Amino acid sequence: MLAYTYVERGRFELLEKPRPVLRDERDALVRVTLASICTSDLHIKHGSVPRAVPGVTVGHEMVGVVEAVGAAVRSVAPGDRVAVNVETFCGECYFCRRGFVNNCTDPDGGWALGCRIDGGQAEAVRVPHADQGLTRIPQGVSDEQALFTGDLLATGYWATRIGGIVGGEDTVLIIGAGPTGICTLLCVLLRRPARVIVCERSAERAQFVRRHYPGVLVTSPAECRDFVLAHSGHGGADVVMEVAGGADTFGLAWQCARPNATVVVVAMYDRPQVLPLPDMYGKNLTFKTGGVDGCDCAEILRLIAEGRLDATPLITHRCRLADIDEGYRIFEARREGVMKVAVDCRP
């Protein structure tokens, strides 16, 4: 089968590989129908994810059809259409029982697919702990509607949940209007805060927000602090979502937060960030950070089926698996107003 593979730092290639097989009674095999390219894949390509294994098939955003299941799998069966979770988790360890599935202690726990074990930019994928890692797609929900369930929407939903947004009262600032920022925005809007502000450097992405979400306020990094002060009642945003991961966006996040606010760090950084405690003294901020605890996929799919979540506007480009190199070139260079590339993995 065709599988897009991390060959060495700076190089991915589309290779012929054997189809995956069941290795454990808790595994499932999924025929991938649609996948997507993520910024985290670029982090692997450029060596920013040390735990990524050369030779691994990349890709962790995917949907497909179950082909086979191990003897212990109960939640899905062959023929089911499923969304695949970005994380692998056992559901039984100390962290899983508390909902902290990103920290699952299983050898395959956490972000494994497309990083430490073969992922889904391929014709098929083996999913360990399938009862936790696969969620059936409701009838009437298309592959494109379900595509971002297991990663981007799971991330936005998790960030919104831990942010503790108070509906009707809070001002929420989201820094970054890339795909993760937009999915975070969608989940924040479910909480109905008093106002939402998006800060984005790219004029194209700022216009994307204005076009699709006209009730959301938009500003630029240079104007962000003054803009937030002018549109909030207590000296800053009540909740800040830092989704950009830029050189100066962590500093911008805490500077735009009101005293006693919550700052949720969703972004993945390429280098350490500085916490200037003397400058922050007296703000009494709460920081919440980490990888997504992606255990809300069933709820996310329910919201999609009800028409309350729709991330399909993010799909600006489409390609076949055979043409995935071109999809990566467009995505990495941010050409043609690209947000997300959907990859048709059917033979």
Protein backbone atom coordinates (compact mmCIF):
# COMPACT_ATOMS: atom_id res chain seq x y z
CA MET A 1 0.00 0.00 0.00
CA LEU A 2 1.04 3.67 -0.35
CA ALA A 3 2.20 5.36 2.86
CA TYR A 4 3.72 8.81 3.37
CA THR A 5 6.87 8.21 5.39
CA TYR A 6 9.33 10.15 7.54
CA VAL A 7 12.59 9.06 5.94
CA GLU A 8 15.03 11.42 7.65
CA ARG A 9 15.12 14.95 8.98
CA GLY A 10 13.82 17.24 6.25
CA ARG A 11 12.48 14.45 4.03
CA PHE A 12 9.14 12.68 3.68
CA GLU A 13 8.50 10.22 0.83
CA LEU A 14 5.51 8.32 -0.50
CA LEU A 15 6.57 4.66 -0.27
CA GLU A 16 5.12 1.22 -0.88
CA LYS A 17 4.75 -0.59 2.46
CA PRO A 18 3.01 -3.79 3.62
CA ARG A 19 -0.54 -3.32 4.82
CA PRO A 20 -0.76 -3.30 8.63
CA VAL A 21 -1.94 -6.35 10.56
CA LEU A 22 -3.50 -6.86 13.99
CA ARG A 23 -0.82 -7.23 16.67
CA ASP A 24 -2.93 -7.21 19.82
CA GLU A 25 -6.46 -8.24 20.75
CA ARG A 26 -7.27 -4.58 21.39
CA ASP A 27 -6.19 -3.42 17.91
CA ALA A 28 -8.34 -2.44 14.94
CA LEU A 29 -7.41 -2.06 11.29
CA VAL A 30 -8.92 0.93 9.54
CA ARG A 31 -9.07 1.52 5.80
CA VAL A 32 -8.33 5.25 5.60
CA THR A 33 -10.72 7.17 3.36
CA LEU A 34 -9.71 10.75 4.18
CA ALA A 35 -6.71 12.22 5.98
CA SER A 36 -5.28 15.69 6.48
CA ILE A 37 -1.93 17.43 6.79
CA CYS A 38 -1.14 19.05 10.15
CA THR A 39 1.47 21.56 11.29
CA SER A 40 2.66 18.90 13.73
CA ASP A 41 3.63 16.80 10.69
CA LEU A 42 5.88 19.67 9.63
CA HIS A 43 7.39 19.73 13.12
CA ILE A 44 8.32 16.05 12.62
CA LYS A 45 9.75 16.75 9.17
CA HIS A 46 12.02 19.48 10.48
CA GLY A 47 13.24 17.63 13.56
CA SER A 48 11.23 19.46 16.23
CA VAL A 49 9.70 16.22 17.57
CA PRO A 50 12.65 14.18 18.90
CA ARG A 51 10.46 11.18 19.76
CA ALA A 52 9.36 10.80 16.13
CA VAL A 53 10.82 7.63 14.62
CA PRO A 54 12.42 7.67 11.15
CA GLY A 55 10.62 5.20 8.93
CA VAL A 56 7.24 5.86 10.52
CA THR A 57 4.19 6.56 8.38
CA VAL A 58 3.07 10.07 9.27
CA GLY A 59 -0.42 11.47 9.77
CA HIS A 60 -2.74 11.62 12.77
CA GLU A 61 -5.86 13.30 11.34
CA MET A 62 -8.00 10.72 9.59
CA VAL A 63 -11.33 8.97 9.17
CA GLY A 64 -12.06 5.62 7.60
CA VAL A 65 -13.83 2.28 7.69
CA VAL A 66 -13.02 -0.53 10.12
CA GLU A 67 -11.65 -3.57 8.29
CA ALA A 68 -10.88 -5.91 11.21
CA VAL A 69 -10.82 -5.86 15.02
CA GLY A 70 -9.04 -7.83 17.72
CA ALA A 71 -10.92 -10.25 19.96
CA ALA A 72 -11.15 -7.77 22.86
CA VAL A 73 -12.56 -4.83 20.87
CA ARG A 74 -16.18 -4.04 21.77
CA SER A 75 -17.01 -0.49 20.63
CA VAL A 76 -16.58 -0.88 16.86
CA ALA A 77 -16.97 -3.62 14.29
CA PRO A 78 -15.91 -4.22 10.69
CA GLY A 79 -17.81 -1.94 8.35
CA ASP A 80 -18.19 0.93 10.85
CA ARG A 81 -17.22 4.40 9.67
CA VAL A 82 -14.95 5.89 12.33
CA ALA A 83 -13.01 8.98 13.36
CA VAL A 84 -9.53 8.21 14.65
CA ASN A 85 -8.28 9.87 17.82
CA VAL A 86 -4.94 11.68 17.67
CA GLU A 87 -3.99 9.98 20.93
CA THR A 88 -3.60 6.36 21.89
CA PHE A 89 -4.73 5.61 25.43
CA CYS A 90 -5.52 2.51 27.42
CA GLY A 91 -8.43 3.91 29.46
CA GLU A 92 -7.25 2.05 32.57
CA CYS A 93 -4.09 3.67 33.98
CA TYR A 94 -3.96 6.37 36.69
CA PHE A 95 -4.02 9.22 34.16
CA CYS A 96 -6.65 7.75 31.83
CA ARG A 97 -9.08 7.16 34.72
CA ARG A 98 -8.83 10.88 35.51
CA GLY A 99 -9.30 12.01 31.91
CA PHE A 100 -5.63 12.92 31.40
CA VAL A 101 -5.33 10.63 28.42
CA ASN A 102 -2.41 12.51 26.87
CA ASN A 103 -0.31 11.12 29.73
CA CYS A 104 -1.40 7.49 29.35
CA THR A 105 1.37 5.26 30.68
CA ASP A 106 0.87 2.52 28.08
CA PRO A 107 3.95 2.10 25.82
CA ASP A 108 1.83 3.35 22.93
CA GLY A 109 0.13 6.02 25.05
CA GLY A 110 -0.19 9.69 24.13
CA TRP A 111 0.58 10.98 20.65
CA ALA A 112 1.84 7.81 18.99
CA LEU A 113 0.04 7.58 15.63
CA GLY A 114 2.14 9.17 12.92
CA CYS A 115 4.93 9.85 15.38
CA ARG A 116 6.13 6.67 17.12
CA ILE A 117 3.91 4.15 15.32
CA ASP A 118 2.59 4.19 11.76
CA GLY A 119 -0.10 6.79 11.16
CA GLY A 120 -2.80 7.51 8.65
CA GLN A 121 -1.47 9.32 5.59
CA ALA A 122 -1.74 5.90 4.02
CA GLU A 123 -4.29 3.49 2.62
CA ALA A 124 -4.70 1.74 5.98
CA VAL A 125 -3.68 2.14 9.63
CA ARG A 126 -3.50 -0.06 12.74
CA VAL A 127 -5.09 1.64 15.75
CA PRO A 128 -4.05 0.29 19.18
CA HIS A 129 -6.61 0.43 22.01
CA ALA A 130 -9.37 0.75 19.43
CA ASP A 131 -12.16 0.99 22.02
CA GLN A 132 -10.71 4.32 23.10
CA GLY A 133 -9.10 5.44 19.83
CA LEU A 134 -12.03 5.03 17.44
CA THR A 135 -15.42 6.73 17.50
CA ARG A 136 -18.25 5.76 15.19
CA ILE A 137 -19.35 8.53 12.85
CA PRO A 138 -23.11 9.23 13.11
CA GLN A 139 -25.32 8.61 10.12
CA GLY A 140 -25.53 11.68 7.91
CA VAL A 141 -22.10 13.05 8.90
CA SER A 142 -19.69 13.09 5.95
CA ASP A 143 -15.99 12.24 6.03
CA GLU A 144 -15.11 15.90 5.58
CA GLN A 145 -17.38 16.93 8.45
CA ALA A 146 -15.80 14.31 10.73
CA LEU A 147 -12.19 14.73 9.58
CA PHE A 148 -11.00 17.08 12.33
CA THR A 149 -12.81 15.34 15.19
CA GLY A 150 -9.85 13.45 16.64
CA ASP A 151 -7.28 16.25 16.64
CA LEU A 152 -8.16 19.87 15.85
CA LEU A 153 -11.68 19.85 17.27
CA ALA A 154 -10.59 17.64 20.16
CA THR A 155 -7.88 20.20 20.90
CA GLY A 156 -10.28 23.14 20.73
CA TYR A 157 -12.85 21.35 22.87
CA TRP A 158 -10.23 20.40 25.49
CA ALA A 159 -8.80 23.94 25.59
CA THR A 160 -12.26 25.43 25.98
CA ARG A 161 -13.16 22.98 28.71
CA ILE A 162 -10.08 23.67 30.85
CA GLY A 163 -10.36 27.41 30.20
CA GLY A 164 -13.41 27.65 32.44
CA ILE A 165 -15.22 30.20 30.26
CA VAL A 166 -18.24 31.84 31.86
CA GLY A 167 -21.02 32.20 29.31
CA GLY A 168 -22.52 35.66 28.91
CA GLU A 169 -19.76 37.30 30.96
CA ASP A 170 -16.24 36.56 29.78
CA THR A 171 -14.11 38.16 27.14
CA VAL A 172 -12.04 35.46 25.44
CA LEU A 173 -8.92 36.27 23.43
CA ILE A 174 -7.68 33.66 20.94
CA ILE A 175 -4.17 34.28 19.63
CA GLY A 176 -3.78 32.62 16.26
CA ALA A 177 -6.30 31.93 13.49
CA GLY A 178 -4.69 28.93 11.91
CA PRO A 179 -6.63 25.65 11.74
CA THR A 180 -6.22 24.92 15.47
CA GLY A 181 -7.15 28.49 16.32
CA ILE A 182 -10.31 28.29 14.22
CA CYS A 183 -11.35 24.99 15.81
CA THR A 184 -10.68 26.51 19.23
CA LEU A 185 -12.83 29.47 18.19
CA LEU A 186 -15.67 27.13 17.16
CA CYS A 187 -15.59 25.42 20.55
CA VAL A 188 -15.33 28.72 22.46
CA LEU A 189 -18.43 29.98 20.65
CA LEU A 190 -20.36 26.98 22.01
CA ARG A 191 -19.86 28.49 25.50
CA ARG A 192 -21.44 31.80 24.41
CA PRO A 193 -19.01 34.22 26.11
CA ALA A 194 -19.83 37.93 26.11
CA ARG A 195 -17.28 38.57 23.37
CA VAL A 196 -14.54 36.81 21.47
CA ILE A 197 -11.44 38.50 20.08
CA VAL A 198 -9.11 36.81 17.59
CA CYS A 199 -5.57 38.10 17.14
CA GLU A 200 -3.95 37.14 13.83
CA ARG A 201 -0.89 38.38 11.97
CA SER A 202 -1.88 37.10 8.53
CA ALA A 203 -4.24 39.38 6.63
CA GLU A 204 -5.63 36.36 4.74
CA ARG A 205 -6.44 34.47 7.93
CA ALA A 206 -7.86 37.56 9.62
CA GLN A 207 -10.17 37.95 6.62
CA PHE A 208 -11.13 34.25 6.91
CA VAL A 209 -12.38 34.93 10.45
CA ARG A 210 -14.26 38.06 9.40
CA ARG A 211 -15.90 36.25 6.48
CA HIS A 212 -17.01 33.11 8.34
CA TYR A 213 -17.58 34.44 11.89
CA PRO A 214 -18.84 38.03 11.58
CA GLY A 215 -19.69 38.35 15.29
CA VAL A 216 -16.05 37.84 16.29
CA LEU A 217 -13.74 40.83 16.78
CA VAL A 218 -10.39 40.68 14.96
CA THR A 219 -7.14 42.49 15.68
CA SER A 220 -3.43 42.26 14.85
CA PRO A 221 -0.53 41.53 17.22
CA ALA A 222 0.70 45.12 17.06
CA GLU A 223 -2.69 46.45 18.16
CA CYS A 224 -3.77 43.55 20.34
CA ARG A 225 -3.04 44.90 23.85
CA ASP A 226 -4.80 48.22 23.27
CA PHE A 227 -7.65 46.52 21.41
CA VAL A 228 -8.28 44.05 24.23
CA LEU A 229 -8.19 46.81 26.84
CA ALA A 230 -10.73 48.78 24.82
CA HIS A 231 -13.07 45.79 24.50
CA SER A 232 -12.89 44.30 27.98
CA GLY A 233 -14.13 45.50 31.33
CA HIS A 234 -11.43 44.56 33.84
CA GLY A 235 -8.08 45.38 32.35
CA GLY A 236 -7.77 42.51 29.92
CA ALA A 237 -9.27 39.27 28.70
CA ASP A 238 -10.82 36.89 31.22
CA VAL A 239 -9.52 33.87 29.31
CA VAL A 240 -6.67 33.82 26.80
CA MET A 241 -6.10 30.93 24.38
CA GLU A 242 -2.53 30.98 23.01
CA VAL A 243 -2.75 28.92 19.84
CA ALA A 244 -0.14 30.58 17.62
CA GLY A 245 3.18 29.38 19.05
CA GLY A 246 5.08 32.34 17.62
CA ALA A 247 8.26 33.93 18.91
CA ASP A 248 6.38 36.57 20.91
CA THR A 249 2.87 35.18 21.31
CA PHE A 250 3.39 33.66 24.75
CA GLY A 251 4.36 37.08 26.08
CA LEU A 252 1.41 38.67 24.31
CA ALA A 253 -0.93 36.14 25.92
CA TRP A 254 -0.12 36.99 29.53
CA GLN A 255 0.17 40.72 28.81
CA CYS A 256 -3.39 40.77 27.41
CA ALA A 257 -4.86 38.84 30.34
CA ARG A 258 -6.61 40.66 33.16
CA PRO A 259 -5.47 40.05 36.75
CA ASN A 260 -6.53 36.58 37.97
CA ALA A 261 -7.26 35.45 34.42
CA THR A 262 -6.64 32.02 32.94
CA VAL A 263 -4.14 31.59 30.10
CA VAL A 264 -4.49 28.31 28.20
CA VAL A 265 -1.38 27.45 26.19
CA VAL A 266 -2.55 25.32 23.28
CA ALA A 267 0.40 26.03 20.99
CA MET A 268 3.40 23.79 20.38
CA TYR A 269 6.67 25.74 20.51
CA ASP A 270 9.98 25.11 18.76
CA ARG A 271 11.97 26.65 21.61
CA PRO A 272 11.66 27.41 25.35
CA GLN A 273 9.44 30.28 26.47
CA VAL A 274 10.37 32.77 29.21
CA LEU A 275 8.14 33.30 32.23
CA PRO A 276 9.17 36.80 33.44
CA LEU A 277 7.85 36.52 36.98
CA PRO A 278 9.03 39.99 38.18
CA ASP A 279 7.06 41.63 35.35
CA MET A 280 4.04 39.48 36.06
CA TYR A 281 4.01 40.00 39.80
CA GLY A 282 0.52 40.84 41.06
CA LYS A 283 -1.36 39.59 38.01
CA ASN A 284 -2.04 36.27 39.79
CA LEU A 285 -2.48 34.40 36.54
CA THR A 286 -3.35 30.73 36.15
CA PHE A 287 -1.56 28.96 33.29
CA LYS A 288 -2.90 25.71 31.86
CA THR A 289 -0.71 23.91 29.36
CA GLY A 290 -0.04 20.58 27.72
CA GLY A 291 -1.07 18.21 25.01
CA VAL A 292 -4.74 17.69 24.27
CA ASP A 293 -6.65 15.19 26.39
CA GLY A 294 -8.66 13.94 23.44
CA CYS A 295 -11.47 12.08 25.16
CA ASP A 296 -14.45 14.13 23.89
CA CYS A 297 -14.78 12.71 20.37
CA ALA A 298 -18.25 11.24 20.84
CA GLU A 299 -19.54 14.60 22.10
CA ILE A 300 -17.85 16.43 19.24
CA LEU A 301 -19.43 14.12 16.66
CA ARG A 302 -22.82 14.58 18.33
CA LEU A 303 -22.44 18.37 18.00
CA ILE A 304 -21.42 17.98 14.35
CA ALA A 305 -24.47 15.77 13.67
CA GLU A 306 -26.70 18.41 15.30
CA GLY A 307 -25.24 21.15 13.09
CA ARG A 308 -23.64 22.98 16.03
CA LEU A 309 -20.02 22.42 14.96
CA ASP A 310 -18.82 22.78 11.40
CA ALA A 311 -15.11 22.89 10.61
CA THR A 312 -15.48 22.11 6.88
CA PRO A 313 -14.70 25.72 5.81
CA LEU A 314 -11.12 24.93 6.86
CA ILE A 315 -10.77 22.51 3.93
CA THR A 316 -9.45 24.86 1.27
CA HIS A 317 -7.49 22.27 -0.75
CA ARG A 318 -7.95 18.62 -1.69
CA CYS A 319 -5.63 16.06 -3.24
CA ARG A 320 -5.19 12.33 -3.77
CA LEU A 321 -2.67 10.37 -1.68
CA ALA A 322 -0.57 9.93 -4.83
CA ASP A 323 -0.25 13.73 -5.02
CA ILE A 324 0.42 14.36 -1.32
CA ASP A 325 3.86 15.90 -2.01
CA GLU A 326 2.13 18.80 -3.74
CA GLY A 327 -0.35 19.09 -0.87
CA TYR A 328 2.57 19.43 1.53
CA ARG A 329 4.27 22.05 -0.66
CA ILE A 330 1.13 24.18 -0.67
CA PHE A 331 0.50 23.71 3.06
CA GLU A 332 4.05 24.37 4.22
CA ALA A 333 4.46 27.49 2.06
CA ARG A 334 0.95 28.71 2.97
CA ARG A 335 0.21 29.22 -0.70
CA GLU A 336 -3.17 30.00 -2.25
CA GLY A 337 -4.78 30.93 1.06
CA VAL A 338 -4.47 27.35 2.30
CA MET A 339 -5.91 26.40 5.68
CA LYS A 340 -6.18 22.60 5.51
CA VAL A 341 -5.49 20.01 2.81
CA ALA A 342 -7.80 16.98 2.76
CA VAL A 343 -6.09 13.90 1.35
CA ASP A 344 -8.22 11.22 -0.35
CA CYS A 345 -6.51 7.95 0.64
CA ARG A 346 -8.76 5.57 -1.26
CA PRO A 347 -6.87 3.45 -3.84
